[in-house]
Amino acid sequence: MRCRKVISCLNAYVDGELPERQCSIVENHLATCEVCPGRLEEIRGIGELLQGTLRSEERRVGKECRSRWSPYH
């Protein structure tokens, strides 16, 4: 599999959405390629950043809702 095709599959790979056969092909490519593992780490890093932002926003909104609906407010 060529890098362009692997890169187009990396989001689905990270999310566990690839069929087992295609996942194996991507993993074999990642084991031998100098470029694609770096792209994989970039995608994972972006995902972690987004998850952290989402958790932070959920906490902020939760606090705001609790303060608005608190009977002691």
N, C-alpha and C. Protein backbone atom coordinates (compact mmCIF):
# COMPACT_ATOMS: atom_id res chain seq x y z
N MET A 1 0.86 -1.17 0.00
CA MET A 1 0.00 0.00 0.00
C MET A 1 0.90 1.23 0.00
N ARG A 2 0.54 2.21 -0.78
CA ARG A 2 1.31 3.46 -0.87
C ARG A 2 0.95 4.41 0.26
N CYS A 3 1.89 5.32 0.53
CA CYS A 3 1.70 6.28 1.63
C CYS A 3 0.40 7.06 1.50
N ARG A 4 0.09 7.52 0.32
CA ARG A 4 -1.12 8.32 0.14
C ARG A 4 -2.36 7.56 0.60
N LYS A 5 -2.44 6.30 0.25
CA LYS A 5 -3.59 5.47 0.63
C LYS A 5 -3.57 5.22 2.14
N VAL A 6 -2.40 4.94 2.69
CA VAL A 6 -2.30 4.70 4.14
C VAL A 6 -2.72 5.94 4.90
N ILE A 7 -2.20 7.09 4.50
CA ILE A 7 -2.54 8.34 5.18
C ILE A 7 -4.04 8.58 5.15
N SER A 8 -4.68 8.25 4.03
CA SER A 8 -6.13 8.46 3.94
C SER A 8 -6.91 7.51 4.86
N CYS A 9 -6.26 6.44 5.33
CA CYS A 9 -6.91 5.47 6.21
C CYS A 9 -6.58 5.67 7.68
N LEU A 10 -5.66 6.57 8.00
CA LEU A 10 -5.17 6.66 9.37
C LEU A 10 -6.23 7.07 10.39
N ASN A 11 -7.12 7.97 10.03
CA ASN A 11 -8.18 8.35 10.98
C ASN A 11 -9.04 7.14 11.33
N ALA A 12 -9.43 6.39 10.33
CA ALA A 12 -10.23 5.19 10.56
C ALA A 12 -9.43 4.16 11.35
N TYR A 13 -8.13 4.07 11.09
CA TYR A 13 -7.26 3.15 11.83
C TYR A 13 -7.24 3.52 13.31
N VAL A 14 -7.02 4.79 13.60
CA VAL A 14 -6.97 5.25 14.99
C VAL A 14 -8.31 5.01 15.68
N ASP A 15 -9.40 5.20 14.97
CA ASP A 15 -10.73 5.04 15.55
C ASP A 15 -11.18 3.58 15.61
N GLY A 16 -10.36 2.66 15.10
CA GLY A 16 -10.71 1.24 15.11
C GLY A 16 -11.80 0.88 14.14
N GLU A 17 -11.89 1.63 13.05
CA GLU A 17 -12.98 1.43 12.09
C GLU A 17 -12.58 0.65 10.84
N LEU A 18 -11.31 0.27 10.73
CA LEU A 18 -10.87 -0.47 9.55
C LEU A 18 -11.16 -1.95 9.71
N PRO A 19 -11.53 -2.60 8.60
CA PRO A 19 -11.65 -4.06 8.65
C PRO A 19 -10.30 -4.68 9.02
N GLU A 20 -10.33 -5.85 9.60
CA GLU A 20 -9.11 -6.48 10.10
C GLU A 20 -8.03 -6.62 9.02
N ARG A 21 -8.41 -7.00 7.82
CA ARG A 21 -7.43 -7.18 6.73
C ARG A 21 -6.76 -5.86 6.39
N GLN A 22 -7.55 -4.80 6.25
CA GLN A 22 -6.99 -3.49 5.91
C GLN A 22 -6.14 -2.95 7.07
N CYS A 23 -6.55 -3.22 8.28
CA CYS A 23 -5.79 -2.81 9.45
C CYS A 23 -4.40 -3.46 9.43
N SER A 24 -4.36 -4.72 9.09
CA SER A 24 -3.10 -5.44 9.00
C SER A 24 -2.19 -4.86 7.92
N ILE A 25 -2.78 -4.50 6.80
CA ILE A 25 -2.01 -3.89 5.71
C ILE A 25 -1.42 -2.56 6.15
N VAL A 26 -2.22 -1.74 6.83
CA VAL A 26 -1.75 -0.45 7.33
C VAL A 26 -0.63 -0.66 8.34
N GLU A 27 -0.78 -1.61 9.24
CA GLU A 27 0.25 -1.88 10.25
C GLU A 27 1.55 -2.34 9.62
N ASN A 28 1.46 -3.18 8.59
CA ASN A 28 2.67 -3.61 7.88
C ASN A 28 3.37 -2.44 7.22
N HIS A 29 2.60 -1.55 6.63
CA HIS A 29 3.17 -0.36 6.00
C HIS A 29 3.83 0.53 7.06
N LEU A 30 3.14 0.74 8.16
CA LEU A 30 3.69 1.59 9.23
C LEU A 30 5.01 1.04 9.77
N ALA A 31 5.16 -0.27 9.77
CA ALA A 31 6.38 -0.90 10.28
C ALA A 31 7.59 -0.67 9.38
N THR A 32 7.34 -0.34 8.11
CA THR A 32 8.45 -0.20 7.17
C THR A 32 8.62 1.20 6.61
N CYS A 33 7.67 2.09 6.85
CA CYS A 33 7.69 3.44 6.28
C CYS A 33 8.35 4.43 7.25
N GLU A 34 9.07 5.38 6.71
CA GLU A 34 9.69 6.42 7.54
C GLU A 34 8.77 7.62 7.77
N VAL A 35 7.78 7.80 6.93
CA VAL A 35 6.93 8.99 6.96
C VAL A 35 5.61 8.75 7.70
N CYS A 36 4.93 7.69 7.38
CA CYS A 36 3.57 7.47 7.88
C CYS A 36 3.46 7.33 9.40
N PRO A 37 4.41 6.72 10.10
CA PRO A 37 4.29 6.69 11.56
C PRO A 37 4.24 8.10 12.18
N GLY A 38 4.95 9.03 11.59
CA GLY A 38 4.88 10.42 12.07
C GLY A 38 3.50 11.02 11.87
N ARG A 39 2.90 10.73 10.73
CA ARG A 39 1.54 11.21 10.47
C ARG A 39 0.55 10.58 11.45
N LEU A 40 0.75 9.30 11.75
CA LEU A 40 -0.10 8.62 12.71
C LEU A 40 -0.03 9.30 14.07
N GLU A 41 1.16 9.64 14.51
CA GLU A 41 1.32 10.30 15.80
C GLU A 41 0.70 11.69 15.79
N GLU A 42 0.78 12.40 14.67
CA GLU A 42 0.12 13.70 14.56
C GLU A 42 -1.39 13.56 14.75
N ILE A 43 -1.96 12.56 14.09
CA ILE A 43 -3.41 12.33 14.19
C ILE A 43 -3.79 11.96 15.62
N ARG A 44 -3.00 11.10 16.23
CA ARG A 44 -3.28 10.73 17.63
C ARG A 44 -3.17 11.95 18.54
N GLY A 45 -2.17 12.79 18.31
CA GLY A 45 -1.99 13.99 19.12
C GLY A 45 -3.16 14.95 18.99
N ILE A 46 -3.64 15.11 17.77
CA ILE A 46 -4.80 15.98 17.54
C ILE A 46 -6.02 15.42 18.26
N GLY A 47 -6.20 14.09 18.19
CA GLY A 47 -7.32 13.46 18.88
C GLY A 47 -7.25 13.67 20.38
N GLU A 48 -6.06 13.53 20.95
CA GLU A 48 -5.89 13.74 22.39
C GLU A 48 -6.17 15.19 22.77
N LEU A 49 -5.71 16.11 21.94
CA LEU A 49 -5.96 17.53 22.19
C LEU A 49 -7.45 17.82 22.16
N LEU A 50 -8.14 17.28 21.17
CA LEU A 50 -9.58 17.50 21.06
C LEU A 50 -10.33 16.88 22.24
N GLN A 51 -9.92 15.69 22.66
CA GLN A 51 -10.56 15.06 23.82
C GLN A 51 -10.37 15.89 25.08
N GLY A 52 -9.16 16.42 25.26
CA GLY A 52 -8.90 17.28 26.42
C GLY A 52 -9.73 18.54 26.40
N THR A 53 -9.86 19.13 25.23
CA THR A 53 -10.67 20.34 25.08
C THR A 53 -12.14 20.03 25.37
N LEU A 54 -12.61 18.90 24.87
CA LEU A 54 -14.00 18.51 25.10
C LEU A 54 -14.26 18.28 26.58
N ARG A 55 -13.36 17.57 27.26
CA ARG A 55 -13.55 17.34 28.70
C ARG A 55 -13.55 18.65 29.47
N SER A 56 -12.67 19.57 29.11
CA SER A 56 -12.60 20.86 29.77
C SER A 56 -13.89 21.64 29.56
N GLU A 57 -14.40 21.62 28.36
CA GLU A 57 -15.64 22.34 28.04
C GLU A 57 -16.83 21.70 28.76
N GLU A 58 -16.83 20.36 28.84
CA GLU A 58 -17.91 19.68 29.57
C GLU A 58 -17.91 20.08 31.04
N ARG A 59 -16.73 20.18 31.64
CA ARG A 59 -16.65 20.60 33.04
C ARG A 59 -17.15 22.03 33.21
N ARG A 60 -16.75 22.91 32.30
CA ARG A 60 -17.17 24.31 32.38
C ARG A 60 -18.68 24.43 32.27
N VAL A 61 -19.25 23.77 31.30
CA VAL A 61 -20.70 23.84 31.09
C VAL A 61 -21.43 23.20 32.28
N GLY A 62 -20.89 22.10 32.79
CA GLY A 62 -21.51 21.45 33.94
C GLY A 62 -21.54 22.37 35.15
N LYS A 63 -20.45 23.07 35.42
CA LYS A 63 -20.41 24.01 36.54
C LYS A 63 -21.41 25.13 36.33
N GLU A 64 -21.47 25.63 35.11
CA GLU A 64 -22.39 26.72 34.81
C GLU A 64 -23.83 26.27 35.02
N CYS A 65 -24.18 25.09 34.57
CA CYS A 65 -25.54 24.58 34.74
C CYS A 65 -25.88 24.36 36.21
N ARG A 66 -24.92 23.79 36.94
CA ARG A 66 -25.17 23.55 38.36
C ARG A 66 -25.37 24.86 39.10
N SER A 67 -24.61 25.88 38.76
CA SER A 67 -24.77 27.17 39.46
C SER A 67 -26.07 27.84 39.11
N ARG A 68 -26.55 27.66 37.89
CA ARG A 68 -27.82 28.25 37.50
C ARG A 68 -29.01 27.57 38.15
N TRP A 69 -28.91 26.26 38.34
CA TRP A 69 -30.03 25.50 38.84
C TRP A 69 -29.93 25.18 40.32
N SER A 70 -28.91 25.68 40.95
CA SER A 70 -28.76 25.44 42.38
C SER A 70 -29.86 26.17 43.16
N PRO A 71 -30.53 25.49 44.09
CA PRO A 71 -31.58 26.15 44.86
C PRO A 71 -31.02 27.23 45.79
N TYR A 72 -29.71 27.24 45.99
CA TYR A 72 -29.08 28.22 46.88
C TYR A 72 -28.46 29.39 46.14
N HIS A 73 -28.73 29.46 44.86
CA HIS A 73 -28.16 30.52 44.01
C HIS A 73 -28.98 31.78 44.09
